[in-house]
Amino acid sequence: MAVGQGGFRAIARSFFDLRWNLDPVAATHAGVAGYDGRYGRFSPDALQPHLAALKALGSALEETHAEGLDEEIDRTALLN
């Protein structure tokens, strides 16, 4: 998967969209609107698509190239 210019930021947004959908309580705690009143689902069947998406995001993130030191720090933190 080739990642074009701005790819890191797009992947980061996708990661947080996935994160907030997986754990809407954490989204509410972080002040992200739109997830209030929801609880996460953590059964094996509910987690399977989230894990597959996280693996795909990790692979795409590994292919990105940071445009500067700050972005490389963010990229490394997101990979971890």
C-alpha atoms as a PDB file:
ATOM      1  CA  MET A   1       0.000   0.000   0.000  1.00  0.00           C
ATOM      2  CA  ALA A   2       1.600   3.258  -1.074  1.00  0.00           C
ATOM      3  CA  VAL A   3       0.970   6.200   1.187  1.00  0.00           C
ATOM      4  CA  GLY A   4       1.041   9.621  -0.434  1.00  0.00           C
ATOM      5  CA  GLN A   5       1.729  13.053   0.978  1.00  0.00           C
ATOM      6  CA  GLY A   6      -0.232  13.631   4.166  1.00  0.00           C
ATOM      7  CA  GLY A   7      -0.481   9.861   4.607  1.00  0.00           C
ATOM      8  CA  PHE A   8       0.687   9.899   8.199  1.00  0.00           C
ATOM      9  CA  ARG A   9      -1.986  12.359   9.295  1.00  0.00           C
ATOM     10  CA  ALA A  10      -4.705  10.411   7.460  1.00  0.00           C
ATOM     11  CA  ILE A  11      -3.574   7.183   9.107  1.00  0.00           C
ATOM     12  CA  ALA A  12      -3.501   8.879  12.509  1.00  0.00           C
ATOM     13  CA  ARG A  13      -7.081  10.132  12.007  1.00  0.00           C
ATOM     14  CA  SER A  14      -8.144   6.623  10.983  1.00  0.00           C
ATOM     15  CA  PHE A  15      -6.465   5.174  14.061  1.00  0.00           C
ATOM     16  CA  PHE A  16      -8.310   7.509  16.389  1.00  0.00           C
ATOM     17  CA  ASP A  17     -11.630   6.932  14.592  1.00  0.00           C
ATOM     18  CA  LEU A  18     -11.104   3.214  15.132  1.00  0.00           C
ATOM     19  CA  ARG A  19     -10.002   3.759  18.732  1.00  0.00           C
ATOM     20  CA  TRP A  20     -13.032   5.845  19.608  1.00  0.00           C
ATOM     21  CA  ASN A  21     -15.405   3.342  17.965  1.00  0.00           C
ATOM     22  CA  LEU A  22     -13.807   0.490  19.874  1.00  0.00           C
ATOM     23  CA  ASP A  23     -13.890   2.325  23.212  1.00  0.00           C
ATOM     24  CA  PRO A  24     -16.492   5.113  23.120  1.00  0.00           C
ATOM     25  CA  VAL A  25     -16.075   5.722  26.862  1.00  0.00           C
ATOM     26  CA  ALA A  26     -12.435   6.676  26.223  1.00  0.00           C
ATOM     27  CA  ALA A  27     -13.624   9.052  23.491  1.00  0.00           C
ATOM     28  CA  THR A  28     -15.997  10.743  25.907  1.00  0.00           C
ATOM     29  CA  HIS A  29     -13.226  10.921  28.501  1.00  0.00           C
ATOM     30  CA  ALA A  30     -10.943  12.556  25.896  1.00  0.00           C
ATOM     31  CA  GLY A  31     -13.636  15.125  25.098  1.00  0.00           C
ATOM     32  CA  VAL A  32     -14.484  13.758  21.656  1.00  0.00           C
ATOM     33  CA  ALA A  33     -18.147  14.489  20.949  1.00  0.00           C
ATOM     34  CA  GLY A  34     -20.461  11.960  19.357  1.00  0.00           C
ATOM     35  CA  TYR A  35     -19.686   8.905  21.465  1.00  0.00           C
ATOM     36  CA  ASP A  36     -21.498   9.886  24.651  1.00  0.00           C
ATOM     37  CA  GLY A  37     -24.001   7.339  25.865  1.00  0.00           C
ATOM     38  CA  ARG A  38     -22.252   4.365  24.245  1.00  0.00           C
ATOM     39  CA  TYR A  39     -20.269   1.556  25.766  1.00  0.00           C
ATOM     40  CA  GLY A  40     -17.574  -0.520  24.078  1.00  0.00           C
ATOM     41  CA  ARG A  41     -18.157  -4.093  23.010  1.00  0.00           C
ATOM     42  CA  PHE A  42     -15.261  -6.362  23.902  1.00  0.00           C
ATOM     43  CA  SER A  43     -16.445  -9.856  23.029  1.00  0.00           C
ATOM     44  CA  PRO A  44     -14.130 -11.869  20.747  1.00  0.00           C
ATOM     45  CA  ASP A  45     -16.582 -11.502  17.844  1.00  0.00           C
ATOM     46  CA  ALA A  46     -16.835  -7.731  18.331  1.00  0.00           C
ATOM     47  CA  LEU A  47     -13.052  -7.297  18.605  1.00  0.00           C
ATOM     48  CA  GLN A  48     -12.083  -9.293  15.514  1.00  0.00           C
ATOM     49  CA  PRO A  49     -12.785  -6.556  12.917  1.00  0.00           C
ATOM     50  CA  HIS A  50     -11.098  -3.940  15.123  1.00  0.00           C
ATOM     51  CA  LEU A  51      -7.950  -6.052  15.415  1.00  0.00           C
ATOM     52  CA  ALA A  52      -7.840  -6.598  11.662  1.00  0.00           C
ATOM     53  CA  ALA A  53      -8.202  -2.849  11.091  1.00  0.00           C
ATOM     54  CA  LEU A  54      -5.448  -2.079  13.622  1.00  0.00           C
ATOM     55  CA  LYS A  55      -3.087  -4.484  11.851  1.00  0.00           C
ATOM     56  CA  ALA A  56      -3.838  -2.842   8.500  1.00  0.00           C
ATOM     57  CA  LEU A  57      -3.274   0.628   9.963  1.00  0.00           C
ATOM     58  CA  GLY A  58       0.014  -0.517  11.509  1.00  0.00           C
ATOM     59  CA  SER A  59       1.218  -1.844   8.159  1.00  0.00           C
ATOM     60  CA  ALA A  60       0.243   1.372   6.387  1.00  0.00           C
ATOM     61  CA  LEU A  61       1.906   3.462   9.085  1.00  0.00           C
ATOM     62  CA  GLU A  62       5.161   1.514   8.734  1.00  0.00           C
ATOM     63  CA  GLU A  63       5.223   2.484   5.044  1.00  0.00           C
ATOM     64  CA  THR A  64       4.892   6.212   5.691  1.00  0.00           C
ATOM     65  CA  HIS A  65       7.858   8.552   5.796  1.00  0.00           C
ATOM     66  CA  ALA A  66       7.997  11.338   8.326  1.00  0.00           C
ATOM     67  CA  GLU A  67       8.476  14.845   6.978  1.00  0.00           C
ATOM     68  CA  GLY A  68      10.297  16.026  10.081  1.00  0.00           C
ATOM     69  CA  LEU A  69      11.427  15.097  13.568  1.00  0.00           C
ATOM     70  CA  ASP A  70       8.096  15.974  15.221  1.00  0.00           C
ATOM     71  CA  GLU A  71       6.184  13.784  12.768  1.00  0.00           C
ATOM     72  CA  GLU A  72       8.681  10.927  13.238  1.00  0.00           C
ATOM     73  CA  ILE A  73       8.168  11.124  17.005  1.00  0.00           C
ATOM     74  CA  ASP A  74       4.384  11.013  16.502  1.00  0.00           C
ATOM     75  CA  ARG A  75       4.703   8.140  14.015  1.00  0.00           C
ATOM     76  CA  THR A  76       6.888   6.131  16.416  1.00  0.00           C
ATOM     77  CA  ALA A  77       4.505   6.761  19.315  1.00  0.00           C
ATOM     78  CA  LEU A  78       1.525   5.667  17.233  1.00  0.00           C
ATOM     79  CA  LEU A  79       3.323   2.504  16.133  1.00  0.00           C
ATOM     80  CA  ASN A  80       4.005   1.627  19.758  1.00  0.00           C
END
